[in-house]
Amino acid sequence: MTKSHATAEMFWTAFKALPKQKRAEVLRLVASDESTRRDLLDLSTFEARRGEPSRSLRSIRASVYR
């Protein structure tokens, strides 16, 4: 485990230990930051599409620029 991953695990464990109301407040603060919100949406999309087959840029361009 990398140092970065260990730090992330520590923060995640601390977050999960918070009472529900405090977790909600942390999430409101995270969601209020536009850059962080975009990053979370990107990560969510990547995770949701993880099992999809990949496509080459060439095939995407071919289907878009017909």
PDB file of N, CA and C in Angstrom:
ATOM      1  N   MET A   1       0.859  -1.175   0.000  1.00  0.00           N
ATOM      2  CA  MET A   1       0.000   0.000   0.000  1.00  0.00           C
ATOM      3  C   MET A   1       0.903   1.236   0.000  1.00  0.00           C
ATOM      4  N   THR A   2       0.574   2.165  -0.886  1.00  0.00           N
ATOM      5  CA  THR A   2       1.363   3.394  -0.958  1.00  0.00           C
ATOM      6  C   THR A   2       1.004   4.324   0.203  1.00  0.00           C
ATOM      7  N   LYS A   3       1.875   5.267   0.436  1.00  0.00           N
ATOM      8  CA  LYS A   3       1.618   6.257   1.485  1.00  0.00           C
ATOM      9  C   LYS A   3       0.348   7.044   1.175  1.00  0.00           C
ATOM     10  N   SER A   4       0.160   7.371  -0.089  1.00  0.00           N
ATOM     11  CA  SER A   4      -1.033   8.114  -0.509  1.00  0.00           C
ATOM     12  C   SER A   4      -2.298   7.300  -0.247  1.00  0.00           C
ATOM     13  N   HIS A   5      -2.252   6.014  -0.579  1.00  0.00           N
ATOM     14  CA  HIS A   5      -3.415   5.153  -0.359  1.00  0.00           C
ATOM     15  C   HIS A   5      -3.696   5.001   1.136  1.00  0.00           C
ATOM     16  N   ALA A   6      -2.650   4.873   1.923  1.00  0.00           N
ATOM     17  CA  ALA A   6      -2.821   4.740   3.371  1.00  0.00           C
ATOM     18  C   ALA A   6      -3.469   5.992   3.952  1.00  0.00           C
ATOM     19  N   THR A   7      -3.065   7.157   3.468  1.00  0.00           N
ATOM     20  CA  THR A   7      -3.662   8.407   3.931  1.00  0.00           C
ATOM     21  C   THR A   7      -5.131   8.476   3.546  1.00  0.00           C
ATOM     22  N   ALA A   8      -5.436   8.079   2.309  1.00  0.00           N
ATOM     23  CA  ALA A   8      -6.827   8.073   1.852  1.00  0.00           C
ATOM     24  C   ALA A   8      -7.664   7.125   2.704  1.00  0.00           C
ATOM     25  N   GLU A   9      -7.138   5.956   3.019  1.00  0.00           N
ATOM     26  CA  GLU A   9      -7.846   4.996   3.871  1.00  0.00           C
ATOM     27  C   GLU A   9      -8.106   5.579   5.256  1.00  0.00           C
ATOM     28  N   MET A  10      -7.131   6.293   5.800  1.00  0.00           N
ATOM     29  CA  MET A  10      -7.286   6.902   7.112  1.00  0.00           C
ATOM     30  C   MET A  10      -8.419   7.934   7.094  1.00  0.00           C
ATOM     31  N   PHE A  11      -8.433   8.778   6.065  1.00  0.00           N
ATOM     32  CA  PHE A  11      -9.498   9.784   5.960  1.00  0.00           C
ATOM     33  C   PHE A  11     -10.860   9.129   5.752  1.00  0.00           C
ATOM     34  N   TRP A  12     -10.911   8.080   4.937  1.00  0.00           N
ATOM     35  CA  TRP A  12     -12.170   7.399   4.678  1.00  0.00           C
ATOM     36  C   TRP A  12     -12.709   6.759   5.952  1.00  0.00           C
ATOM     37  N   THR A  13     -11.833   6.141   6.727  1.00  0.00           N
ATOM     38  CA  THR A  13     -12.235   5.527   7.993  1.00  0.00           C
ATOM     39  C   THR A  13     -12.767   6.584   8.954  1.00  0.00           C
ATOM     40  N   ALA A  14     -12.091   7.719   9.018  1.00  0.00           N
ATOM     41  CA  ALA A  14     -12.541   8.810   9.897  1.00  0.00           C
ATOM     42  C   ALA A  14     -13.899   9.340   9.433  1.00  0.00           C
ATOM     43  N   PHE A  15     -14.081   9.492   8.128  1.00  0.00           N
ATOM     44  CA  PHE A  15     -15.350   9.973   7.594  1.00  0.00           C
ATOM     45  C   PHE A  15     -16.488   9.028   7.965  1.00  0.00           C
ATOM     46  N   LYS A  16     -16.277   7.728   7.776  1.00  0.00           N
ATOM     47  CA  LYS A  16     -17.320   6.745   8.079  1.00  0.00           C
ATOM     48  C   LYS A  16     -17.654   6.695   9.566  1.00  0.00           C
ATOM     49  N   ALA A  17     -16.729   7.106  10.416  1.00  0.00           N
ATOM     50  CA  ALA A  17     -16.956   7.085  11.858  1.00  0.00           C
ATOM     51  C   ALA A  17     -17.764   8.291  12.336  1.00  0.00           C
ATOM     52  N   LEU A  18     -17.915   9.304  11.481  1.00  0.00           N
ATOM     53  CA  LEU A  18     -18.672  10.493  11.868  1.00  0.00           C
ATOM     54  C   LEU A  18     -20.160  10.166  11.986  1.00  0.00           C
ATOM     55  N   PRO A  19     -20.859  10.896  12.843  1.00  0.00           N
ATOM     56  CA  PRO A  19     -22.321  10.750  12.880  1.00  0.00           C
ATOM     57  C   PRO A  19     -22.916  11.170  11.528  1.00  0.00           C
ATOM     58  N   LYS A  20     -24.086  10.654  11.213  1.00  0.00           N
ATOM     59  CA  LYS A  20     -24.723  10.887   9.919  1.00  0.00           C
ATOM     60  C   LYS A  20     -24.818  12.371   9.563  1.00  0.00           C
ATOM     61  N   GLN A  21     -25.200  13.198  10.503  1.00  0.00           N
ATOM     62  CA  GLN A  21     -25.351  14.641  10.238  1.00  0.00           C
ATOM     63  C   GLN A  21     -24.013  15.271   9.860  1.00  0.00           C
ATOM     64  N   LYS A  22     -22.945  14.883  10.521  1.00  0.00           N
ATOM     65  CA  LYS A  22     -21.623  15.437  10.199  1.00  0.00           C
ATOM     66  C   LYS A  22     -21.143  14.941   8.834  1.00  0.00           C
ATOM     67  N   ARG A  23     -21.414  13.664   8.503  1.00  0.00           N
ATOM     68  CA  ARG A  23     -21.057  13.152   7.171  1.00  0.00           C
ATOM     69  C   ARG A  23     -21.790  13.948   6.098  1.00  0.00           C
ATOM     70  N   ALA A  24     -23.063  14.240   6.336  1.00  0.00           N
ATOM     71  CA  ALA A  24     -23.845  15.016   5.368  1.00  0.00           C
ATOM     72  C   ALA A  24     -23.243  16.398   5.175  1.00  0.00           C
ATOM     73  N   GLU A  25     -22.783  17.011   6.234  1.00  0.00           N
ATOM     74  CA  GLU A  25     -22.176  18.343   6.127  1.00  0.00           C
ATOM     75  C   GLU A  25     -20.879  18.287   5.323  1.00  0.00           C
ATOM     76  N   VAL A  26     -20.064  17.267   5.566  1.00  0.00           N
ATOM     77  CA  VAL A  26     -18.831  17.110   4.790  1.00  0.00           C
ATOM     78  C   VAL A  26     -19.172  16.950   3.314  1.00  0.00           C
ATOM     79  N   LEU A  27     -20.168  16.125   3.012  1.00  0.00           N
ATOM     80  CA  LEU A  27     -20.559  15.911   1.616  1.00  0.00           C
ATOM     81  C   LEU A  27     -21.110  17.181   0.978  1.00  0.00           C
ATOM     82  N   ARG A  28     -21.841  17.983   1.745  1.00  0.00           N
ATOM     83  CA  ARG A  28     -22.319  19.274   1.218  1.00  0.00           C
ATOM     84  C   ARG A  28     -21.140  20.173   0.862  1.00  0.00           C
ATOM     85  N   LEU A  29     -20.130  20.194   1.721  1.00  0.00           N
ATOM     86  CA  LEU A  29     -18.952  21.017   1.437  1.00  0.00           C
ATOM     87  C   LEU A  29     -18.221  20.515   0.197  1.00  0.00           C
ATOM     88  N   VAL A  30     -18.067  19.217   0.072  1.00  0.00           N
ATOM     89  CA  VAL A  30     -17.399  18.645  -1.097  1.00  0.00           C
ATOM     90  C   VAL A  30     -18.195  18.984  -2.360  1.00  0.00           C
ATOM     91  N   ALA A  31     -19.502  18.813  -2.305  1.00  0.00           N
ATOM     92  CA  ALA A  31     -20.349  19.068  -3.476  1.00  0.00           C
ATOM     93  C   ALA A  31     -20.408  20.549  -3.834  1.00  0.00           C
ATOM     94  N   SER A  32     -20.161  21.422  -2.884  1.00  0.00           N
ATOM     95  CA  SER A  32     -20.224  22.858  -3.166  1.00  0.00           C
ATOM     96  C   SER A  32     -18.992  23.351  -3.922  1.00  0.00           C
ATOM     97  N   ASP A  33     -17.923  22.543  -3.950  1.00  0.00           N
ATOM     98  CA  ASP A  33     -16.714  22.909  -4.684  1.00  0.00           C
ATOM     99  C   ASP A  33     -16.838  22.384  -6.117  1.00  0.00           C
ATOM    100  N   GLU A  34     -16.949  23.299  -7.077  1.00  0.00           N
ATOM    101  CA  GLU A  34     -17.233  22.912  -8.462  1.00  0.00           C
ATOM    102  C   GLU A  34     -16.183  21.971  -9.040  1.00  0.00           C
ATOM    103  N   SER A  35     -14.933  22.242  -8.806  1.00  0.00           N
ATOM    104  CA  SER A  35     -13.867  21.407  -9.351  1.00  0.00           C
ATOM    105  C   SER A  35     -13.919  19.989  -8.769  1.00  0.00           C
ATOM    106  N   THR A  36     -14.112  19.890  -7.473  1.00  0.00           N
ATOM    107  CA  THR A  36     -14.197  18.586  -6.824  1.00  0.00           C
ATOM    108  C   THR A  36     -15.439  17.842  -7.299  1.00  0.00           C
ATOM    109  N   ARG A  37     -16.539  18.562  -7.452  1.00  0.00           N
ATOM    110  CA  ARG A  37     -17.776  17.948  -7.921  1.00  0.00           C
ATOM    111  C   ARG A  37     -17.581  17.355  -9.321  1.00  0.00           C
ATOM    112  N   ARG A  38     -16.907  18.093 -10.218  1.00  0.00           N
ATOM    113  CA  ARG A  38     -16.630  17.574 -11.568  1.00  0.00           C
ATOM    114  C   ARG A  38     -15.738  16.337 -11.497  1.00  0.00           C
ATOM    115  N   ASP A  39     -14.730  16.371 -10.630  1.00  0.00           N
ATOM    116  CA  ASP A  39     -13.847  15.215 -10.474  1.00  0.00           C
ATOM    117  C   ASP A  39     -14.626  13.988 -10.012  1.00  0.00           C
ATOM    118  N   LEU A  40     -15.522  14.177  -9.059  1.00  0.00           N
ATOM    119  CA  LEU A  40     -16.332  13.055  -8.562  1.00  0.00           C
ATOM    120  C   LEU A  40     -17.260  12.513  -9.638  1.00  0.00           C
ATOM    121  N   LEU A  41     -17.836  13.395 -10.436  1.00  0.00           N
ATOM    122  CA  LEU A  41     -18.689  12.945 -11.538  1.00  0.00           C
ATOM    123  C   LEU A  41     -17.882  12.148 -12.564  1.00  0.00           C
ATOM    124  N   ASP A  42     -16.671  12.624 -12.866  1.00  0.00           N
ATOM    125  CA  ASP A  42     -15.801  11.881 -13.790  1.00  0.00           C
ATOM    126  C   ASP A  42     -15.481  10.497 -13.235  1.00  0.00           C
ATOM    127  N   LEU A  43     -15.080  10.442 -11.965  1.00  0.00           N
ATOM    128  CA  LEU A  43     -14.750   9.153 -11.346  1.00  0.00           C
ATOM    129  C   LEU A  43     -15.947   8.216 -11.323  1.00  0.00           C
ATOM    130  N   SER A  44     -17.113   8.776 -11.054  1.00  0.00           N
ATOM    131  CA  SER A  44     -18.331   7.975 -11.042  1.00  0.00           C
ATOM    132  C   SER A  44     -18.621   7.404 -12.428  1.00  0.00           C
ATOM    133  N   THR A  45     -18.434   8.208 -13.452  1.00  0.00           N
ATOM    134  CA  THR A  45     -18.647   7.754 -14.827  1.00  0.00           C
ATOM    135  C   THR A  45     -17.646   6.665 -15.196  1.00  0.00           C
ATOM    136  N   PHE A  46     -16.378   6.873 -14.841  1.00  0.00           N
ATOM    137  CA  PHE A  46     -15.359   5.858 -15.120  1.00  0.00           C
ATOM    138  C   PHE A  46     -15.722   4.534 -14.463  1.00  0.00           C
ATOM    139  N   GLU A  47     -16.143   4.592 -13.213  1.00  0.00           N
ATOM    140  CA  GLU A  47     -16.482   3.376 -12.473  1.00  0.00           C
ATOM    141  C   GLU A  47     -17.700   2.684 -13.080  1.00  0.00           C
ATOM    142  N   ALA A  48     -18.700   3.451 -13.449  1.00  0.00           N
ATOM    143  CA  ALA A  48     -19.914   2.883 -14.020  1.00  0.00           C
ATOM    144  C   ALA A  48     -19.651   2.219 -15.373  1.00  0.00           C
ATOM    145  N   ARG A  49     -18.666   2.731 -16.107  1.00  0.00           N
ATOM    146  CA  ARG A  49     -18.400   2.221 -17.451  1.00  0.00           C
ATOM    147  C   ARG A  49     -17.199   1.283 -17.496  1.00  0.00           C
ATOM    148  N   ARG A  50     -16.696   0.899 -16.333  1.00  0.00           N
ATOM    149  CA  ARG A  50     -15.481   0.079 -16.235  1.00  0.00           C
ATOM    150  C   ARG A  50     -15.551  -1.187 -17.092  1.00  0.00           C
ATOM    151  N   GLY A  51     -16.668  -1.856 -17.133  1.00  0.00           N
ATOM    152  CA  GLY A  51     -16.782  -3.124 -17.847  1.00  0.00           C
ATOM    153  C   GLY A  51     -17.049  -3.002 -19.335  1.00  0.00           C
ATOM    154  N   GLU A  52     -17.258  -1.795 -19.821  1.00  0.00           N
ATOM    155  CA  GLU A  52     -17.557  -1.612 -21.238  1.00  0.00           C
ATOM    156  C   GLU A  52     -16.309  -1.831 -22.089  1.00  0.00           C
ATOM    157  N   PRO A  53     -16.493  -2.346 -23.284  1.00  0.00           N
ATOM    158  CA  PRO A  53     -15.331  -2.516 -24.165  1.00  0.00           C
ATOM    159  C   PRO A  53     -14.796  -1.150 -24.592  1.00  0.00           C
ATOM    160  N   SER A  54     -13.506  -1.086 -24.790  1.00  0.00           N
ATOM    161  CA  SER A  54     -12.906   0.184 -25.214  1.00  0.00           C
ATOM    162  C   SER A  54     -13.077   0.360 -26.718  1.00  0.00           C
ATOM    163  N   ARG A  55     -12.994   1.603 -27.145  1.00  0.00           N
ATOM    164  CA  ARG A  55     -13.073   1.940 -28.569  1.00  0.00           C
ATOM    165  C   ARG A  55     -11.892   2.829 -28.906  1.00  0.00           C
ATOM    166  N   SER A  56     -11.361   2.646 -30.077  1.00  0.00           N
ATOM    167  CA  SER A  56     -10.236   3.475 -30.502  1.00  0.00           C
ATOM    168  C   SER A  56     -10.732   4.878 -30.855  1.00  0.00           C
ATOM    169  N   LEU A  57      -9.861   5.840 -30.726  1.00  0.00           N
ATOM    170  CA  LEU A  57     -10.201   7.211 -31.104  1.00  0.00           C
ATOM    171  C   LEU A  57     -10.563   7.268 -32.587  1.00  0.00           C
ATOM    172  N   ARG A  58      -9.872   6.485 -33.387  1.00  0.00           N
ATOM    173  CA  ARG A  58     -10.154   6.451 -34.827  1.00  0.00           C
ATOM    174  C   ARG A  58     -11.602   6.030 -35.098  1.00  0.00           C
ATOM    175  N   SER A  59     -12.099   4.992 -34.381  1.00  0.00           N
ATOM    176  CA  SER A  59     -13.478   4.540 -34.621  1.00  0.00           C
ATOM    177  C   SER A  59     -14.496   5.566 -34.123  1.00  0.00           C
ATOM    178  N   ILE A  60     -14.172   6.257 -33.038  1.00  0.00           N
ATOM    179  CA  ILE A  60     -15.072   7.304 -32.534  1.00  0.00           C
ATOM    180  C   ILE A  60     -15.143   8.449 -33.534  1.00  0.00           C
ATOM    181  N   ARG A  61     -13.987   8.878 -34.021  1.00  0.00           N
ATOM    182  CA  ARG A  61     -13.971   9.955 -35.021  1.00  0.00           C
ATOM    183  C   ARG A  61     -14.725   9.561 -36.279  1.00  0.00           C
ATOM    184  N   ALA A  62     -14.578   8.330 -36.692  1.00  0.00           N
ATOM    185  CA  ALA A  62     -15.257   7.854 -37.900  1.00  0.00           C
ATOM    186  C   ALA A  62     -16.773   7.903 -37.718  1.00  0.00           C
ATOM    187  N   SER A  63     -17.265   7.573 -36.532  1.00  0.00           N
ATOM    188  CA  SER A  63     -18.715   7.577 -36.313  1.00  0.00           C
ATOM    189  C   SER A  63     -19.248   9.002 -36.115  1.00  0.00           C
ATOM    190  N   VAL A  64     -18.438   9.912 -35.648  1.00  0.00           N
ATOM    191  CA  VAL A  64     -18.885  11.288 -35.390  1.00  0.00           C
ATOM    192  C   VAL A  64     -18.801  12.141 -36.670  1.00  0.00           C
ATOM    193  N   TYR A  65     -17.752  11.946 -37.448  1.00  0.00           N
ATOM    194  CA  TYR A  65     -17.505  12.817 -38.605  1.00  0.00           C
ATOM    195  C   TYR A  65     -17.875  12.155 -39.923  1.00  0.00           C
ATOM    196  N   ARG A  66     -19.007  11.495 -39.983  1.00  0.00           N
ATOM    197  CA  ARG A  66     -19.457  10.887 -41.246  1.00  0.00           C
ATOM    198  C   ARG A  66     -20.081  11.902 -42.138  1.00  0.00           C
TER     199      ARG A  66
END
